[in-house]
Amino acid sequence: MRLHDNPPPYYPRSSETDPLVPRRSSHRHQSLNSCICTALIAVLTAAIAVVIFASVFSPKPCNDPLDPDVRDRIRKEWDIELRQHQQDILKRVDTEKRWRLEDNERFRLREQWGREEEEHKREVEERRKREQDERLRLNMFWTEPVSHTCTTYATREYTARLVNVPSYYDRRVEACMATPVQIHGTDYTPKWCEDHGSNNVIGHWEVQQEPDCASYWNDYKDFGCVSPGSGQRRVEHHLANLPSGGDWREFCATTPVSFRGMHFTGAEFCFQTVFGVWGHWVFDDESCN
């Protein structure tokens, strides 16, 4: 039996709850905690690395034409494109066919209209010749034309009565419009006709170049600019040689005039005073800007 020379150390008790043998820090526990932390850090680092690798080096679909799956996928895509292309071709063919049918229909209609127009012209010409022959056979003619008042600038109205028109003749207006009369050595056909019965068909003519109906402008007056900066000038003329019984508004609006390098077929505005009829013009003038 081995005896200890020295007694075991004595530790004073500070409390009744303290163990008889005091606890000492264990190096084994510290080493275990260190290993656990290191393992956790390693696992976390590996997870991050896996995520980064997966995002950067993720596998891409294979496009190798030698791969059967790739060939099958390409074949399916070609089939879809081929069907779509065939549908487009059918639509285009159908559209072109419809266009050809429409073109043929338009061509047929043009030919039909052309034939109808030619037929109409032929019928009109044949009717005109028949009516002319009939008028010559019936010896229809006009009485001496009677002159009337001037209707507008250099224009006078004439009337005459068509005679030798049978009572049974039912195309009196057509005969009136187609039968010419000679006025001042020139043949004119009526402008309009009045049918008051077989012996009272009246034709009306408006003959131009009548000197007695030619009014004119005189007494040129330049009233200057309409207003400062208006860019317009005002001019007036007096209407002379107004035919007796003529409409002064009509002659004012139809009597031509030229001034300041411009030509007008009539006045822009007309008014009448005790001194006669006046025409009024307002036109652009740069000198009035």
C-alpha atoms as a PDB file:
ATOM      1  CA  MET A   1       0.000   0.000   0.000  1.00  0.00           C
ATOM      2  CA  ARG A   2       1.337   3.276  -1.262  1.00  0.00           C
ATOM      3  CA  LEU A   3       1.151   6.154   1.103  1.00  0.00           C
ATOM      4  CA  HIS A   4       1.129   9.750   0.035  1.00  0.00           C
ATOM      5  CA  ASP A   5       3.581  11.842   1.748  1.00  0.00           C
ATOM      6  CA  ASN A   6       1.557  14.949   1.201  1.00  0.00           C
ATOM      7  CA  PRO A   7      -2.140  15.206   1.989  1.00  0.00           C
ATOM      8  CA  PRO A   8      -4.546  16.224  -0.781  1.00  0.00           C
ATOM      9  CA  PRO A   9      -4.964  19.912  -1.295  1.00  0.00           C
ATOM     10  CA  TYR A  10      -7.656  21.646   0.628  1.00  0.00           C
ATOM     11  CA  TYR A  11     -10.053  24.007  -1.052  1.00  0.00           C
ATOM     12  CA  PRO A  12     -12.078  26.183   1.148  1.00  0.00           C
ATOM     13  CA  ARG A  13     -15.811  25.941   0.546  1.00  0.00           C
ATOM     14  CA  SER A  14     -17.495  29.169  -0.284  1.00  0.00           C
ATOM     15  CA  SER A  15     -20.914  27.676  -0.476  1.00  0.00           C
ATOM     16  CA  GLU A  16     -22.716  24.571   0.491  1.00  0.00           C
ATOM     17  CA  THR A  17     -23.851  24.055  -3.107  1.00  0.00           C
ATOM     18  CA  ASP A  18     -20.326  23.955  -4.519  1.00  0.00           C
ATOM     19  CA  PRO A  19     -19.079  20.502  -5.364  1.00  0.00           C
ATOM     20  CA  LEU A  20     -16.469  18.941  -3.223  1.00  0.00           C
ATOM     21  CA  VAL A  21     -14.087  18.751  -6.192  1.00  0.00           C
ATOM     22  CA  PRO A  22     -13.999  22.035  -8.201  1.00  0.00           C
ATOM     23  CA  ARG A  23     -14.696  21.977 -11.961  1.00  0.00           C
ATOM     24  CA  ARG A  24     -11.877  22.711 -14.358  1.00  0.00           C
ATOM     25  CA  SER A  25     -12.164  23.999 -17.991  1.00  0.00           C
ATOM     26  CA  SER A  26     -11.970  21.175 -20.472  1.00  0.00           C
ATOM     27  CA  HIS A  27      -9.756  21.515 -23.544  1.00  0.00           C
ATOM     28  CA  ARG A  28     -11.770  18.768 -25.166  1.00  0.00           C
ATOM     29  CA  HIS A  29     -14.989  20.841 -25.092  1.00  0.00           C
ATOM     30  CA  GLN A  30     -13.261  23.863 -26.579  1.00  0.00           C
ATOM     31  CA  SER A  31     -11.808  21.784 -29.373  1.00  0.00           C
ATOM     32  CA  LEU A  32     -15.271  20.303 -30.127  1.00  0.00           C
ATOM     33  CA  ASN A  33     -16.865  23.742 -30.397  1.00  0.00           C
ATOM     34  CA  SER A  34     -14.095  24.919 -32.692  1.00  0.00           C
ATOM     35  CA  CYS A  35     -14.616  21.917 -34.968  1.00  0.00           C
ATOM     36  CA  ILE A  36     -18.363  22.529 -35.153  1.00  0.00           C
ATOM     37  CA  CYS A  37     -17.865  26.171 -36.163  1.00  0.00           C
ATOM     38  CA  THR A  38     -15.302  25.223 -38.747  1.00  0.00           C
ATOM     39  CA  ALA A  39     -17.637  22.571 -40.169  1.00  0.00           C
ATOM     40  CA  LEU A  40     -20.514  25.036 -40.367  1.00  0.00           C
ATOM     41  CA  ILE A  41     -18.367  27.594 -42.161  1.00  0.00           C
ATOM     42  CA  ALA A  42     -17.131  24.923 -44.560  1.00  0.00           C
ATOM     43  CA  VAL A  43     -20.699  23.749 -45.315  1.00  0.00           C
ATOM     44  CA  LEU A  44     -21.874  27.333 -45.873  1.00  0.00           C
ATOM     45  CA  THR A  45     -18.901  28.072 -48.140  1.00  0.00           C
ATOM     46  CA  ALA A  46     -19.528  24.870 -50.106  1.00  0.00           C
ATOM     47  CA  ALA A  47     -23.207  25.770 -50.533  1.00  0.00           C
ATOM     48  CA  ILE A  48     -22.315  29.235 -51.810  1.00  0.00           C
ATOM     49  CA  ALA A  49     -19.773  27.726 -54.181  1.00  0.00           C
ATOM     50  CA  VAL A  50     -22.351  25.253 -55.482  1.00  0.00           C
ATOM     51  CA  VAL A  51     -24.864  28.040 -56.113  1.00  0.00           C
ATOM     52  CA  ILE A  52     -22.287  30.148 -57.936  1.00  0.00           C
ATOM     53  CA  PHE A  53     -21.115  27.189 -59.980  1.00  0.00           C
ATOM     54  CA  ALA A  54     -24.686  26.245 -60.874  1.00  0.00           C
ATOM     55  CA  SER A  55     -25.489  29.787 -61.986  1.00  0.00           C
ATOM     56  CA  VAL A  56     -22.310  30.194 -64.022  1.00  0.00           C
ATOM     57  CA  PHE A  57     -21.816  26.708 -65.354  1.00  0.00           C
ATOM     58  CA  SER A  58     -25.445  25.634 -65.664  1.00  0.00           C
ATOM     59  CA  PRO A  59     -25.880  22.991 -68.331  1.00  0.00           C
ATOM     60  CA  LYS A  60     -27.111  24.373 -71.654  1.00  0.00           C
ATOM     61  CA  PRO A  61     -29.336  22.523 -74.080  1.00  0.00           C
ATOM     62  CA  CYS A  62     -27.333  20.443 -76.423  1.00  0.00           C
ATOM     63  CA  ASN A  63     -27.366  21.548 -80.078  1.00  0.00           C
ATOM     64  CA  ASP A  64     -25.234  18.799 -81.429  1.00  0.00           C
ATOM     65  CA  PRO A  65     -26.938  17.603 -84.645  1.00  0.00           C
ATOM     66  CA  LEU A  66     -25.541  14.133 -84.028  1.00  0.00           C
ATOM     67  CA  ASP A  67     -27.571  13.873 -80.845  1.00  0.00           C
ATOM     68  CA  PRO A  68     -30.814  11.939 -81.585  1.00  0.00           C
ATOM     69  CA  ASP A  69     -32.811  14.174 -79.242  1.00  0.00           C
ATOM     70  CA  VAL A  70     -31.479  17.257 -80.979  1.00  0.00           C
ATOM     71  CA  ARG A  71     -32.305  15.832 -84.410  1.00  0.00           C
ATOM     72  CA  ASP A  72     -35.814  14.989 -83.256  1.00  0.00           C
ATOM     73  CA  ARG A  73     -36.328  18.478 -81.862  1.00  0.00           C
ATOM     74  CA  ILE A  74     -35.023  20.097 -85.059  1.00  0.00           C
ATOM     75  CA  ARG A  75     -37.228  17.815 -87.158  1.00  0.00           C
ATOM     76  CA  LYS A  76     -40.304  18.841 -85.176  1.00  0.00           C
ATOM     77  CA  GLU A  77     -39.433  22.529 -85.586  1.00  0.00           C
ATOM     78  CA  TRP A  78     -38.995  22.001 -89.349  1.00  0.00           C
ATOM     79  CA  ASP A  79     -42.351  20.268 -89.524  1.00  0.00           C
ATOM     80  CA  ILE A  80     -44.038  23.218 -87.825  1.00  0.00           C
ATOM     81  CA  GLU A  81     -42.326  25.721 -90.134  1.00  0.00           C
ATOM     82  CA  LEU A  82     -43.170  23.585 -93.179  1.00  0.00           C
ATOM     83  CA  ARG A  83     -46.847  23.424 -92.258  1.00  0.00           C
ATOM     84  CA  GLN A  84     -46.919  27.177 -91.676  1.00  0.00           C
ATOM     85  CA  HIS A  85     -45.201  27.782 -95.009  1.00  0.00           C
ATOM     86  CA  GLN A  86     -47.689  25.526 -96.780  1.00  0.00           C
ATOM     87  CA  GLN A  87     -50.573  27.415 -95.179  1.00  0.00           C
ATOM     88  CA  ASP A  88     -49.063  30.714 -96.327  1.00  0.00           C
ATOM     89  CA  ILE A  89     -48.717  29.346 -99.853  1.00  0.00           C
ATOM     90  CA  LEU A  90     -52.347  28.202 -99.893  1.00  0.00           C
ATOM     91  CA  LYS A  91     -53.497  31.613 -98.657  1.00  0.00           C
ATOM     92  CA  ARG A  92     -51.406  33.381-101.304  1.00  0.00           C
ATOM     93  CA  VAL A  93     -52.687  31.089-104.044  1.00  0.00           C
ATOM     94  CA  ASP A  94     -56.252  31.658-102.907  1.00  0.00           C
ATOM     95  CA  THR A  95     -55.709  35.435-102.849  1.00  0.00           C
ATOM     96  CA  GLU A  96     -54.162  35.436-106.327  1.00  0.00           C
ATOM     97  CA  LYS A  97     -57.036  33.311-107.613  1.00  0.00           C
ATOM     98  CA  ARG A  98     -59.546  35.743-106.157  1.00  0.00           C
ATOM     99  CA  TRP A  99     -57.660  38.652-107.720  1.00  0.00           C
ATOM    100  CA  ARG A 100     -57.704  36.963-111.121  1.00  0.00           C
ATOM    101  CA  LEU A 101     -61.437  36.348-110.830  1.00  0.00           C
ATOM    102  CA  GLU A 102     -62.005  39.974-109.877  1.00  0.00           C
ATOM    103  CA  ASP A 103     -59.804  41.172-112.764  1.00  0.00           C
ATOM    104  CA  ASN A 104     -61.690  38.935-115.170  1.00  0.00           C
ATOM    105  CA  GLU A 105     -64.996  40.258-113.850  1.00  0.00           C
ATOM    106  CA  ARG A 106     -63.852  43.858-114.226  1.00  0.00           C
ATOM    107  CA  PHE A 107     -62.603  43.146-117.745  1.00  0.00           C
ATOM    108  CA  ARG A 108     -65.930  41.514-118.597  1.00  0.00           C
ATOM    109  CA  LEU A 109     -67.852  44.467-117.202  1.00  0.00           C
ATOM    110  CA  ARG A 110     -65.683  46.938-119.131  1.00  0.00           C
ATOM    111  CA  GLU A 111     -66.312  45.040-122.329  1.00  0.00           C
ATOM    112  CA  GLN A 112     -70.027  44.876-121.565  1.00  0.00           C
ATOM    113  CA  TRP A 113     -70.156  48.599-120.800  1.00  0.00           C
ATOM    114  CA  GLY A 114     -68.209  49.332-123.969  1.00  0.00           C
ATOM    115  CA  ARG A 115     -70.669  47.307-126.014  1.00  0.00           C
ATOM    116  CA  GLU A 116     -73.611  48.969-124.305  1.00  0.00           C
ATOM    117  CA  GLU A 117     -72.100  52.411-124.883  1.00  0.00           C
ATOM    118  CA  GLU A 118     -71.504  51.657-128.554  1.00  0.00           C
ATOM    119  CA  GLU A 119     -75.021  50.281-128.851  1.00  0.00           C
ATOM    120  CA  HIS A 120     -76.421  53.401-127.189  1.00  0.00           C
ATOM    121  CA  LYS A 121     -74.463  55.688-129.495  1.00  0.00           C
ATOM    122  CA  ARG A 122     -75.618  53.736-132.490  1.00  0.00           C
ATOM    123  CA  GLU A 123     -79.229  53.911-131.357  1.00  0.00           C
ATOM    124  CA  VAL A 124     -78.956  57.646-130.725  1.00  0.00           C
ATOM    125  CA  GLU A 125     -77.420  58.230-134.141  1.00  0.00           C
ATOM    126  CA  GLU A 126     -80.020  56.079-135.858  1.00  0.00           C
ATOM    127  CA  ARG A 127     -82.799  57.911-134.021  1.00  0.00           C
ATOM    128  CA  ARG A 128     -81.320  61.272-134.930  1.00  0.00           C
ATOM    129  CA  LYS A 129     -81.188  60.298-138.580  1.00  0.00           C
ATOM    130  CA  ARG A 130     -84.760  59.007-138.507  1.00  0.00           C
ATOM    131  CA  GLU A 131     -86.020  62.165-136.850  1.00  0.00           C
ATOM    132  CA  GLN A 132     -84.052  64.316-139.257  1.00  0.00           C
ATOM    133  CA  ASP A 133     -85.461  62.436-142.212  1.00  0.00           C
ATOM    134  CA  GLU A 134     -88.918  62.763-140.714  1.00  0.00           C
ATOM    135  CA  ARG A 135     -88.511  66.496-140.166  1.00  0.00           C
ATOM    136  CA  LEU A 136     -87.301  66.946-143.730  1.00  0.00           C
ATOM    137  CA  ARG A 137     -90.235  64.913-144.971  1.00  0.00           C
ATOM    138  CA  LEU A 138     -92.638  66.985-142.902  1.00  0.00           C
ATOM    139  CA  ASN A 139     -90.750  70.177-143.842  1.00  0.00           C
ATOM    140  CA  MET A 140     -90.517  71.580-140.316  1.00  0.00           C
ATOM    141  CA  PHE A 141     -88.857  74.983-140.158  1.00  0.00           C
ATOM    142  CA  TRP A 142     -88.571  78.071-137.980  1.00  0.00           C
ATOM    143  CA  THR A 143     -90.261  81.374-138.356  1.00  0.00           C
ATOM    144  CA  GLU A 144     -88.057  84.470-138.483  1.00  0.00           C
ATOM    145  CA  PRO A 145     -86.173  84.767-135.157  1.00  0.00           C
ATOM    146  CA  VAL A 146     -87.260  87.639-132.944  1.00  0.00           C
ATOM    147  CA  SER A 147     -84.650  89.490-130.874  1.00  0.00           C
ATOM    148  CA  HIS A 148     -85.302  90.319-127.234  1.00  0.00           C
ATOM    149  CA  THR A 149     -83.467  92.061-124.430  1.00  0.00           C
ATOM    150  CA  CYS A 150     -79.845  91.467-123.577  1.00  0.00           C
ATOM    151  CA  THR A 151     -79.510  88.764-120.956  1.00  0.00           C
ATOM    152  CA  THR A 152     -75.852  89.124-120.014  1.00  0.00           C
ATOM    153  CA  TYR A 153     -72.625  90.679-121.311  1.00  0.00           C
ATOM    154  CA  ALA A 154     -72.642  90.724-125.174  1.00  0.00           C
ATOM    155  CA  THR A 155     -75.492  88.193-125.235  1.00  0.00           C
ATOM    156  CA  ARG A 156     -79.034  88.609-126.574  1.00  0.00           C
ATOM    157  CA  GLU A 157     -82.030  86.294-126.451  1.00  0.00           C
ATOM    158  CA  TYR A 158     -83.859  85.235-129.611  1.00  0.00           C
ATOM    159  CA  THR A 159     -87.038  83.211-130.055  1.00  0.00           C
ATOM    160  CA  ALA A 160     -88.796  81.567-132.998  1.00  0.00           C
ATOM    161  CA  ARG A 161     -91.749  79.246-133.609  1.00  0.00           C
ATOM    162  CA  LEU A 162     -91.453  75.819-135.219  1.00  0.00           C
ATOM    163  CA  VAL A 163     -94.047  75.359-137.956  1.00  0.00           C
ATOM    164  CA  ASN A 164     -95.330  72.418-139.977  1.00  0.00           C
ATOM    165  CA  VAL A 165     -95.485  70.242-136.869  1.00  0.00           C
ATOM    166  CA  PRO A 166     -98.278  67.629-137.271  1.00  0.00           C
ATOM    167  CA  SER A 167    -100.739  67.273-134.423  1.00  0.00           C
ATOM    168  CA  TYR A 168     -99.911  63.569-134.101  1.00  0.00           C
ATOM    169  CA  TYR A 169     -96.196  64.219-133.812  1.00  0.00           C
ATOM    170  CA  ASP A 170     -95.221  63.291-130.212  1.00  0.00           C
ATOM    171  CA  ARG A 171     -91.576  64.348-130.273  1.00  0.00           C
ATOM    172  CA  ARG A 172     -92.047  68.062-130.684  1.00  0.00           C
ATOM    173  CA  VAL A 173     -89.474  69.080-128.048  1.00  0.00           C
ATOM    174  CA  GLU A 174     -86.871  66.741-129.576  1.00  0.00           C
ATOM    175  CA  ALA A 175     -87.604  68.215-133.004  1.00  0.00           C
ATOM    176  CA  CYS A 176     -87.282  71.726-131.573  1.00  0.00           C
ATOM    177  CA  MET A 177     -83.914  71.009-129.922  1.00  0.00           C
ATOM    178  CA  ALA A 178     -82.531  69.354-133.069  1.00  0.00           C
ATOM    179  CA  THR A 179     -83.685  71.887-135.680  1.00  0.00           C
ATOM    180  CA  PRO A 180     -81.174  74.736-136.221  1.00  0.00           C
ATOM    181  CA  VAL A 181     -81.977  78.315-137.126  1.00  0.00           C
ATOM    182  CA  GLN A 182     -79.744  80.887-138.800  1.00  0.00           C
ATOM    183  CA  ILE A 183     -78.982  84.099-136.902  1.00  0.00           C
ATOM    184  CA  HIS A 184     -76.445  86.614-138.245  1.00  0.00           C
ATOM    185  CA  GLY A 185     -75.446  84.032-140.858  1.00  0.00           C
ATOM    186  CA  THR A 186     -74.633  81.324-138.279  1.00  0.00           C
ATOM    187  CA  ASP A 187     -76.672  78.212-137.481  1.00  0.00           C
ATOM    188  CA  TYR A 188     -77.683  77.794-133.839  1.00  0.00           C
ATOM    189  CA  THR A 189     -79.724  75.086-132.129  1.00  0.00           C
ATOM    190  CA  PRO A 190     -82.079  76.202-129.342  1.00  0.00           C
ATOM    191  CA  LYS A 191     -80.877  76.417-125.747  1.00  0.00           C
ATOM    192  CA  TRP A 192     -84.324  75.335-124.560  1.00  0.00           C
ATOM    193  CA  CYS A 193     -87.815  74.796-125.996  1.00  0.00           C
ATOM    194  CA  GLU A 194     -91.391  75.373-124.903  1.00  0.00           C
ATOM    195  CA  ASP A 195     -94.117  73.015-126.126  1.00  0.00           C
ATOM    196  CA  HIS A 196     -97.511  74.724-126.180  1.00  0.00           C
ATOM    197  CA  GLY A 197     -99.080  72.425-128.796  1.00  0.00           C
ATOM    198  CA  SER A 198     -98.433  71.279-132.351  1.00  0.00           C
ATOM    199  CA  ASN A 199     -98.549  74.805-133.783  1.00  0.00           C
ATOM    200  CA  ASN A 200     -96.928  76.563-130.862  1.00  0.00           C
ATOM    201  CA  VAL A 201     -93.484  75.089-130.228  1.00  0.00           C
ATOM    202  CA  ILE A 202     -91.156  77.964-129.218  1.00  0.00           C
ATOM    203  CA  GLY A 203     -87.383  77.799-129.372  1.00  0.00           C
ATOM    204  CA  HIS A 204     -85.080  80.042-127.306  1.00  0.00           C
ATOM    205  CA  TRP A 205     -81.534  81.036-128.235  1.00  0.00           C
ATOM    206  CA  GLU A 206     -78.856  83.042-126.432  1.00  0.00           C
ATOM    207  CA  VAL A 207     -76.552  84.477-129.074  1.00  0.00           C
ATOM    208  CA  GLN A 208     -73.212  85.914-128.024  1.00  0.00           C
ATOM    209  CA  GLN A 209     -71.038  88.542-129.687  1.00  0.00           C
ATOM    210  CA  GLU A 210     -73.907  91.022-129.746  1.00  0.00           C
ATOM    211  CA  PRO A 211     -72.298  94.519-129.901  1.00  0.00           C
ATOM    212  CA  ASP A 212     -75.377  96.305-128.566  1.00  0.00           C
ATOM    213  CA  CYS A 213     -75.196  94.131-125.439  1.00  0.00           C
ATOM    214  CA  ALA A 214     -71.510  94.808-124.744  1.00  0.00           C
ATOM    215  CA  SER A 215     -71.188  96.950-121.635  1.00  0.00           C
ATOM    216  CA  TYR A 216     -67.804  98.241-120.496  1.00  0.00           C
ATOM    217  CA  TRP A 217     -66.047  99.903-117.569  1.00  0.00           C
ATOM    218  CA  ASN A 218     -64.783 103.478-117.332  1.00  0.00           C
ATOM    219  CA  ASP A 219     -63.955 106.127-114.705  1.00  0.00           C
ATOM    220  CA  TYR A 220     -61.212 104.130-112.980  1.00  0.00           C
ATOM    221  CA  LYS A 221     -60.807 105.135-109.324  1.00  0.00           C
ATOM    222  CA  ASP A 222     -58.020 103.928-107.036  1.00  0.00           C
ATOM    223  CA  PHE A 223     -59.014 104.355-103.394  1.00  0.00           C
ATOM    224  CA  GLY A 224     -55.644 103.194-102.132  1.00  0.00           C
ATOM    225  CA  CYS A 225     -55.012 100.659 -99.388  1.00  0.00           C
ATOM    226  CA  VAL A 226     -57.997  99.295 -97.535  1.00  0.00           C
ATOM    227  CA  SER A 227     -56.223 100.074 -94.257  1.00  0.00           C
ATOM    228  CA  PRO A 228     -52.593 100.505 -93.146  1.00  0.00           C
ATOM    229  CA  GLY A 229     -50.852  97.127 -93.177  1.00  0.00           C
ATOM    230  CA  SER A 230     -53.835  95.335 -94.742  1.00  0.00           C
ATOM    231  CA  GLY A 231     -51.890  94.268 -97.828  1.00  0.00           C
ATOM    232  CA  GLN A 232     -54.956  95.008-100.009  1.00  0.00           C
ATOM    233  CA  ARG A 233     -55.993  97.794-102.359  1.00  0.00           C
ATOM    234  CA  ARG A 234     -59.505  98.936-103.341  1.00  0.00           C
ATOM    235  CA  VAL A 235     -60.474  99.965-106.870  1.00  0.00           C
ATOM    236  CA  GLU A 236     -63.801 101.038-108.408  1.00  0.00           C
ATOM    237  CA  HIS A 237     -65.107 101.397-111.966  1.00  0.00           C
ATOM    238  CA  HIS A 238     -68.252 102.833-113.464  1.00  0.00           C
ATOM    239  CA  LEU A 239     -70.327 100.484-115.683  1.00  0.00           C
ATOM    240  CA  ALA A 240     -71.104 102.108-119.031  1.00  0.00           C
ATOM    241  CA  ASN A 241     -73.391 101.138-121.950  1.00  0.00           C
ATOM    242  CA  LEU A 242     -75.770  99.154-119.758  1.00  0.00           C
ATOM    243  CA  PRO A 243     -78.472  97.844-122.201  1.00  0.00           C
ATOM    244  CA  SER A 244     -81.995  99.057-121.696  1.00  0.00           C
ATOM    245  CA  GLY A 245     -83.967  96.551-119.667  1.00  0.00           C
ATOM    246  CA  GLY A 246     -80.832  94.610-118.760  1.00  0.00           C
ATOM    247  CA  ASP A 247     -80.216  93.349-115.237  1.00  0.00           C
ATOM    248  CA  TRP A 248     -77.514  95.660-113.866  1.00  0.00           C
ATOM    249  CA  ARG A 249     -76.324  93.014-111.368  1.00  0.00           C
ATOM    250  CA  GLU A 250     -75.876  90.457-114.168  1.00  0.00           C
ATOM    251  CA  PHE A 251     -73.958  92.870-116.408  1.00  0.00           C
ATOM    252  CA  CYS A 252     -71.833  94.124-113.517  1.00  0.00           C
ATOM    253  CA  ALA A 253     -70.853  90.548-112.642  1.00  0.00           C
ATOM    254  CA  THR A 254     -70.129  89.479-116.272  1.00  0.00           C
ATOM    255  CA  THR A 255     -68.506  92.543-117.885  1.00  0.00           C
ATOM    256  CA  PRO A 256     -64.742  91.863-118.074  1.00  0.00           C
ATOM    257  CA  VAL A 257     -62.050  94.402-117.239  1.00  0.00           C
ATOM    258  CA  SER A 258     -58.243  94.571-117.043  1.00  0.00           C
ATOM    259  CA  PHE A 259     -56.137  96.931-114.927  1.00  0.00           C
ATOM    260  CA  ARG A 260     -52.782  96.941-113.108  1.00  0.00           C
ATOM    261  CA  GLY A 261     -51.723  93.864-115.104  1.00  0.00           C
ATOM    262  CA  MET A 262     -54.692  91.809-113.909  1.00  0.00           C
ATOM    263  CA  HIS A 263     -57.793  90.553-115.735  1.00  0.00           C
ATOM    264  CA  PHE A 264     -61.228  90.067-114.162  1.00  0.00           C
ATOM    265  CA  THR A 265     -64.338  88.486-115.728  1.00  0.00           C
ATOM    266  CA  GLY A 266     -66.528  90.867-113.737  1.00  0.00           C
ATOM    267  CA  ALA A 267     -66.728  92.941-110.597  1.00  0.00           C
ATOM    268  CA  GLU A 268     -66.282  91.334-107.205  1.00  0.00           C
ATOM    269  CA  PHE A 269     -68.962  93.577-105.670  1.00  0.00           C
ATOM    270  CA  CYS A 270     -71.611  95.702-107.366  1.00  0.00           C
ATOM    271  CA  PHE A 271     -73.760  98.587-106.164  1.00  0.00           C
ATOM    272  CA  GLN A 272     -76.062 101.128-107.770  1.00  0.00           C
ATOM    273  CA  THR A 273     -76.370 104.822-106.987  1.00  0.00           C
ATOM    274  CA  VAL A 274     -78.106 107.778-108.593  1.00  0.00           C
ATOM    275  CA  PHE A 275     -74.947 108.210-110.664  1.00  0.00           C
ATOM    276  CA  GLY A 276     -75.102 104.695-112.108  1.00  0.00           C
ATOM    277  CA  VAL A 277     -73.727 101.211-111.473  1.00  0.00           C
ATOM    278  CA  TRP A 278     -70.308 100.769-109.912  1.00  0.00           C
ATOM    279  CA  GLY A 279     -68.027  97.771-109.702  1.00  0.00           C
ATOM    280  CA  HIS A 280     -65.812  97.210-106.719  1.00  0.00           C
ATOM    281  CA  TRP A 281     -62.543  95.183-106.540  1.00  0.00           C
ATOM    282  CA  VAL A 282     -60.286  94.380-103.594  1.00  0.00           C
ATOM    283  CA  PHE A 283     -56.993  92.658-104.405  1.00  0.00           C
ATOM    284  CA  ASP A 284     -53.628  91.932-102.791  1.00  0.00           C
ATOM    285  CA  ASP A 285     -50.985  94.631-103.061  1.00  0.00           C
ATOM    286  CA  GLU A 286     -47.553  94.339-101.415  1.00  0.00           C
ATOM    287  CA  SER A 287     -47.209  98.124-101.258  1.00  0.00           C
ATOM    288  CA  CYS A 288     -50.061  98.109 -98.711  1.00  0.00           C
ATOM    289  CA  ASN A 289     -48.205  95.879 -96.227  1.00  0.00           C
END
